């Protein structure tokens, strides 16, 4: 969503609508979701480790050794470390460049997280290429669908009663 909004800002439809306050609000989303993701991921890991259920522990044992081990650490780095520390400061949440970089890192991290959850730990290079090809296909279908739907409607909701309040410069700054 952040990449789409910033692309529309750069292309023109949102040039007069998007403000730093909007960017700040958009920056709060990946910051909060990275904390939530880390909490859920840690709880799942701790529960499986603590219970020591023979049906569940091989999931982590296979992924914490061999070729897949660096991917597990990269998963945590992309899904928690990057968005958490990059978006901790207010100024970084208001920077389009930082938001673009963090959004790309989170998208790659989400793909990696789903890949590690779904595919077996001993997956081959061919399965990685297949998963990437399917992802590129899904992204292409999404972009085509979005482009078709976006062409049918107004870029800015002109009949929104709160539109004037959200425009840059319409709300006075507090103290």
C-alpha atoms as a PDB file:
ATOM      1  CA  UNK A   1       0.000   0.000   0.000  1.00  0.00           C
ATOM      2  CA  UNK A   2       2.806   2.390   0.870  1.00  0.00           C
ATOM      3  CA  UNK A   3       4.593   1.729  -2.416  1.00  0.00           C
ATOM      4  CA  UNK A   4       1.350   2.284  -4.332  1.00  0.00           C
ATOM      5  CA  UNK A   5       0.565   5.560  -2.565  1.00  0.00           C
ATOM      6  CA  UNK A   6       4.091   6.875  -3.087  1.00  0.00           C
ATOM      7  CA  UNK A   7       4.019   5.826  -6.746  1.00  0.00           C
ATOM      8  CA  UNK A   8       0.709   7.691  -7.217  1.00  0.00           C
ATOM      9  CA  UNK A   9       2.245  10.716  -5.472  1.00  0.00           C
ATOM     10  CA  UNK A  10       5.210  10.659  -7.819  1.00  0.00           C
ATOM     11  CA  UNK A  11       3.031  10.153 -10.922  1.00  0.00           C
ATOM     12  CA  UNK A  12       0.779  13.079 -10.060  1.00  0.00           C
ATOM     13  CA  UNK A  13      -2.695  12.040  -8.821  1.00  0.00           C
ATOM     14  CA  UNK A  14      -1.718  12.476  -5.150  1.00  0.00           C
ATOM     15  CA  UNK A  15       0.783  15.315  -5.590  1.00  0.00           C
ATOM     16  CA  UNK A  16      -1.562  17.917  -4.052  1.00  0.00           C
ATOM     17  CA  UNK A  17      -3.131  15.520  -1.535  1.00  0.00           C
ATOM     18  CA  UNK A  18      -0.325  13.635   0.218  1.00  0.00           C
ATOM     19  CA  UNK A  19       1.342  15.378   3.168  1.00  0.00           C
ATOM     20  CA  UNK A  20       4.045  14.478   5.681  1.00  0.00           C
ATOM     21  CA  UNK A  21       1.289  13.660   8.174  1.00  0.00           C
ATOM     22  CA  UNK A  22      -0.049  11.064   5.755  1.00  0.00           C
ATOM     23  CA  UNK A  23       3.442   9.604   5.352  1.00  0.00           C
ATOM     24  CA  UNK A  24       3.811   9.525   9.130  1.00  0.00           C
ATOM     25  CA  UNK A  25       0.539   7.602   9.453  1.00  0.00           C
ATOM     26  CA  UNK A  26       1.608   5.187   6.714  1.00  0.00           C
ATOM     27  CA  UNK A  27       4.983   4.724   8.448  1.00  0.00           C
ATOM     28  CA  UNK A  28       3.277   3.702  11.679  1.00  0.00           C
ATOM     29  CA  UNK A  29       1.713   0.682   9.977  1.00  0.00           C
ATOM     30  CA  UNK A  30       4.896  -1.307   9.197  1.00  0.00           C
ATOM     31  CA  UNK A  31       6.421  -0.200  12.514  1.00  0.00           C
ATOM     32  CA  UNK A  32       3.492  -1.562  14.541  1.00  0.00           C
ATOM     33  CA  UNK A  33       3.081  -4.655  12.390  1.00  0.00           C
ATOM     34  CA  UNK A  34       6.773  -5.528  12.749  1.00  0.00           C
ATOM     35  CA  UNK A  35       6.374  -5.521  16.526  1.00  0.00           C
ATOM     36  CA  UNK A  36       3.241  -7.650  16.248  1.00  0.00           C
ATOM     37  CA  UNK A  37       4.983 -10.059  13.833  1.00  0.00           C
ATOM     38  CA  UNK A  38       7.960 -10.445  16.202  1.00  0.00           C
ATOM     39  CA  UNK A  39       5.620 -11.095  19.126  1.00  0.00           C
ATOM     40  CA  UNK A  40       3.673 -13.791  17.264  1.00  0.00           C
ATOM     41  CA  UNK A  41       6.816 -15.369  15.826  1.00  0.00           C
ATOM     42  CA  UNK A  42       8.540 -15.484  19.211  1.00  0.00           C
ATOM     43  CA  UNK A  43       5.437 -16.879  20.938  1.00  0.00           C
ATOM     44  CA  UNK A  44       5.172 -19.666  18.373  1.00  0.00           C
ATOM     45  CA  UNK A  45       8.880 -20.459  18.668  1.00  0.00           C
ATOM     46  CA  UNK A  46       8.833 -20.381  22.488  1.00  0.00           C
ATOM     47  CA  UNK A  47       5.708 -22.516  22.721  1.00  0.00           C
ATOM     48  CA  UNK A  48       7.094 -25.191  20.409  1.00  0.00           C
ATOM     49  CA  UNK A  49      10.471 -25.130  22.190  1.00  0.00           C
ATOM     50  CA  UNK A  50       8.937 -25.240  25.689  1.00  0.00           C
ATOM     51  CA  UNK A  51       6.439 -28.024  24.989  1.00  0.00           C
ATOM     52  CA  UNK A  52       9.094 -30.060  23.134  1.00  0.00           C
ATOM     53  CA  UNK A  53       6.385 -31.853  21.157  1.00  0.00           C
ATOM     54  CA  UNK A  54       8.033 -34.382  18.832  1.00  0.00           C
ATOM     55  CA  UNK A  55       5.548 -33.513  16.087  1.00  0.00           C
ATOM     56  CA  UNK A  56       6.393 -29.799  16.117  1.00  0.00           C
ATOM     57  CA  UNK A  57      10.107 -29.479  16.938  1.00  0.00           C
ATOM     58  CA  UNK A  58      11.411 -30.862  13.604  1.00  0.00           C
ATOM     59  CA  UNK A  59      10.012 -27.745  11.929  1.00  0.00           C
ATOM     60  CA  UNK A  60      12.589 -25.567  13.699  1.00  0.00           C
ATOM     61  CA  UNK A  61      15.321 -28.184  13.913  1.00  0.00           C
ATOM     62  CA  UNK A  62      15.420 -28.597  10.126  1.00  0.00           C
ATOM     63  CA  UNK A  63      15.316 -24.854   9.569  1.00  0.00           C
ATOM     64  CA  UNK A  64      18.032 -24.014  12.093  1.00  0.00           C
ATOM     65  CA  UNK A  65      20.683 -26.128  10.436  1.00  0.00           C
ATOM     66  CA  UNK A  66      22.219 -26.401   7.007  1.00  0.00           C
ATOM     67  CA  UNK A  67      21.434 -24.207   4.032  1.00  0.00           C
ATOM     68  CA  UNK A  68      18.144 -22.858   5.424  1.00  0.00           C
ATOM     69  CA  UNK A  69      19.618 -21.523   8.704  1.00  0.00           C
ATOM     70  CA  UNK A  70      20.750 -18.152   7.276  1.00  0.00           C
ATOM     71  CA  UNK A  71      17.291 -17.724   5.754  1.00  0.00           C
ATOM     72  CA  UNK A  72      15.710 -18.025   9.214  1.00  0.00           C
ATOM     73  CA  UNK A  73      17.946 -15.255  10.544  1.00  0.00           C
ATOM     74  CA  UNK A  74      17.319 -13.179   7.417  1.00  0.00           C
ATOM     75  CA  UNK A  75      13.595 -13.683   8.033  1.00  0.00           C
ATOM     76  CA  UNK A  76      13.821 -12.113  11.498  1.00  0.00           C
ATOM     77  CA  UNK A  77      16.096  -9.360  10.197  1.00  0.00           C
ATOM     78  CA  UNK A  78      13.782  -8.325   7.343  1.00  0.00           C
ATOM     79  CA  UNK A  79      10.481  -8.680   9.207  1.00  0.00           C
ATOM     80  CA  UNK A  80      11.458  -7.160  12.544  1.00  0.00           C
ATOM     81  CA  UNK A  81      14.901  -5.563  12.753  1.00  0.00           C
ATOM     82  CA  UNK A  82      14.716  -3.445   9.578  1.00  0.00           C
ATOM     83  CA  UNK A  83      11.241  -1.923  10.052  1.00  0.00           C
ATOM     84  CA  UNK A  84      11.572  -1.559  13.815  1.00  0.00           C
ATOM     85  CA  UNK A  85      14.876   0.294  13.878  1.00  0.00           C
ATOM     86  CA  UNK A  86      14.441   2.144  10.569  1.00  0.00           C
ATOM     87  CA  UNK A  87      11.041   3.553  11.539  1.00  0.00           C
ATOM     88  CA  UNK A  88      11.701   4.230  15.205  1.00  0.00           C
ATOM     89  CA  UNK A  89      12.342   7.939  14.687  1.00  0.00           C
ATOM     90  CA  UNK A  90       9.574  10.319  13.640  1.00  0.00           C
ATOM     91  CA  UNK A  91      11.627  11.824  10.831  1.00  0.00           C
ATOM     92  CA  UNK A  92      12.140   8.455   9.166  1.00  0.00           C
ATOM     93  CA  UNK A  93       8.384   7.787   9.124  1.00  0.00           C
ATOM     94  CA  UNK A  94       7.968  11.059   7.217  1.00  0.00           C
ATOM     95  CA  UNK A  95      10.626  10.266   4.608  1.00  0.00           C
ATOM     96  CA  UNK A  96       9.384   8.768   1.357  1.00  0.00           C
ATOM     97  CA  UNK A  97      12.807   7.264   0.616  1.00  0.00           C
ATOM     98  CA  UNK A  98      12.962   5.456   3.966  1.00  0.00           C
ATOM     99  CA  UNK A  99       9.383   4.226   3.586  1.00  0.00           C
ATOM    100  CA  UNK A 100      10.127   2.841   0.115  1.00  0.00           C
ATOM    101  CA  UNK A 101      13.236   0.983   1.314  1.00  0.00           C
ATOM    102  CA  UNK A 102      11.502  -0.398   4.402  1.00  0.00           C
ATOM    103  CA  UNK A 103       8.458  -1.442   2.382  1.00  0.00           C
ATOM    104  CA  UNK A 104      10.597  -3.370  -0.088  1.00  0.00           C
ATOM    105  CA  UNK A 105      12.489  -5.053   2.770  1.00  0.00           C
ATOM    106  CA  UNK A 106       9.214  -6.014   4.467  1.00  0.00           C
ATOM    107  CA  UNK A 107       7.743  -7.387   1.230  1.00  0.00           C
ATOM    108  CA  UNK A 108      10.838  -9.535   0.681  1.00  0.00           C
ATOM    109  CA  UNK A 109      10.716 -10.563   4.343  1.00  0.00           C
ATOM    110  CA  UNK A 110       7.025 -11.514   4.146  1.00  0.00           C
ATOM    111  CA  UNK A 111       7.730 -13.601   1.044  1.00  0.00           C
ATOM    112  CA  UNK A 112      10.630 -15.300   2.802  1.00  0.00           C
ATOM    113  CA  UNK A 113       8.524 -15.928   5.923  1.00  0.00           C
ATOM    114  CA  UNK A 114       5.765 -17.570   3.891  1.00  0.00           C
ATOM    115  CA  UNK A 115       8.318 -19.531   1.877  1.00  0.00           C
ATOM    116  CA  UNK A 116       9.930 -20.895   5.039  1.00  0.00           C
ATOM    117  CA  UNK A 117       6.532 -21.766   6.531  1.00  0.00           C
ATOM    118  CA  UNK A 118       5.081 -23.538   3.517  1.00  0.00           C
ATOM    119  CA  UNK A 119       7.888 -25.230   1.646  1.00  0.00           C
ATOM    120  CA  UNK A 120       9.884 -28.075   3.165  1.00  0.00           C
ATOM    121  CA  UNK A 121      13.220 -27.345   4.777  1.00  0.00           C
ATOM    122  CA  UNK A 122      15.053 -29.510   2.232  1.00  0.00           C
ATOM    123  CA  UNK A 123      13.616 -27.653  -0.754  1.00  0.00           C
ATOM    124  CA  UNK A 124      15.714 -27.373  -3.882  1.00  0.00           C
ATOM    125  CA  UNK A 125      16.798 -24.427  -5.999  1.00  0.00           C
ATOM    126  CA  UNK A 126      14.078 -25.321  -8.510  1.00  0.00           C
ATOM    127  CA  UNK A 127      11.381 -24.920  -5.853  1.00  0.00           C
ATOM    128  CA  UNK A 128      12.736 -21.475  -4.978  1.00  0.00           C
ATOM    129  CA  UNK A 129      12.695 -20.435  -8.645  1.00  0.00           C
ATOM    130  CA  UNK A 130       9.164 -21.807  -9.031  1.00  0.00           C
ATOM    131  CA  UNK A 131       7.984 -19.901  -5.952  1.00  0.00           C
ATOM    132  CA  UNK A 132       9.587 -16.695  -7.246  1.00  0.00           C
ATOM    133  CA  UNK A 133       7.992 -17.152 -10.678  1.00  0.00           C
ATOM    134  CA  UNK A 134       4.566 -17.641  -9.111  1.00  0.00           C
ATOM    135  CA  UNK A 135       5.107 -14.544  -6.971  1.00  0.00           C
ATOM    136  CA  UNK A 136       6.055 -12.446 -10.001  1.00  0.00           C
ATOM    137  CA  UNK A 137       2.950 -13.742 -11.789  1.00  0.00           C
ATOM    138  CA  UNK A 138       0.727 -12.859  -8.827  1.00  0.00           C
ATOM    139  CA  UNK A 139       2.240  -9.376  -8.617  1.00  0.00           C
ATOM    140  CA  UNK A 140       1.646  -8.899 -12.346  1.00  0.00           C
ATOM    141  CA  UNK A 141      -1.996  -9.927 -12.019  1.00  0.00           C
ATOM    142  CA  UNK A 142      -2.421  -7.578  -9.055  1.00  0.00           C
ATOM    143  CA  UNK A 143      -0.901  -4.638 -10.935  1.00  0.00           C
ATOM    144  CA  UNK A 144      -3.121  -5.289 -13.955  1.00  0.00           C
ATOM    145  CA  UNK A 145      -6.232  -5.567 -11.767  1.00  0.00           C
ATOM    146  CA  UNK A 146      -5.326  -2.469  -9.809  1.00  0.00           C
ATOM    147  CA  UNK A 147      -4.614  -0.500 -12.965  1.00  0.00           C
ATOM    148  CA  UNK A 148      -7.943  -1.497 -14.485  1.00  0.00           C
ATOM    149  CA  UNK A 149      -9.871  -0.642 -11.299  1.00  0.00           C
ATOM    150  CA  UNK A 150      -7.986   2.599 -10.751  1.00  0.00           C
ATOM    151  CA  UNK A 151      -8.748   3.747 -14.288  1.00  0.00           C
ATOM    152  CA  UNK A 152     -12.479   3.341 -13.602  1.00  0.00           C
ATOM    153  CA  UNK A 153     -12.624   5.610 -10.524  1.00  0.00           C
ATOM    154  CA  UNK A 154     -11.398   9.013  -9.431  1.00  0.00           C
ATOM    155  CA  UNK A 155      -7.933   9.032  -7.873  1.00  0.00           C
ATOM    156  CA  UNK A 156      -9.071  11.356  -5.082  1.00  0.00           C
ATOM    157  CA  UNK A 157     -12.514  10.812  -3.503  1.00  0.00           C
ATOM    158  CA  UNK A 158     -13.983  14.212  -4.343  1.00  0.00           C
ATOM    159  CA  UNK A 159     -17.264  13.634  -2.444  1.00  0.00           C
ATOM    160  CA  UNK A 160     -15.544  12.622   0.800  1.00  0.00           C
ATOM    161  CA  UNK A 161     -16.742  14.998   3.556  1.00  0.00           C
ATOM    162  CA  UNK A 162     -13.348  14.805   5.310  1.00  0.00           C
ATOM    163  CA  UNK A 163     -11.226  15.439   2.212  1.00  0.00           C
ATOM    164  CA  UNK A 164     -10.703  19.139   2.946  1.00  0.00           C
ATOM    165  CA  UNK A 165      -9.489  18.353   6.475  1.00  0.00           C
ATOM    166  CA  UNK A 166      -6.917  15.905   5.171  1.00  0.00           C
ATOM    167  CA  UNK A 167      -5.392  18.193   2.552  1.00  0.00           C
ATOM    168  CA  UNK A 168      -1.935  19.615   3.332  1.00  0.00           C
ATOM    169  CA  UNK A 169      -2.071  22.973   5.089  1.00  0.00           C
ATOM    170  CA  UNK A 170      -5.710  22.727   6.122  1.00  0.00           C
ATOM    171  CA  UNK A 171      -5.037  21.713   9.738  1.00  0.00           C
ATOM    172  CA  UNK A 172      -3.112  24.202  11.881  1.00  0.00           C
ATOM    173  CA  UNK A 173      -0.003  22.833  13.548  1.00  0.00           C
ATOM    174  CA  UNK A 174      -0.141  22.407  17.324  1.00  0.00           C
ATOM    175  CA  UNK A 175       2.278  24.352  19.542  1.00  0.00           C
END
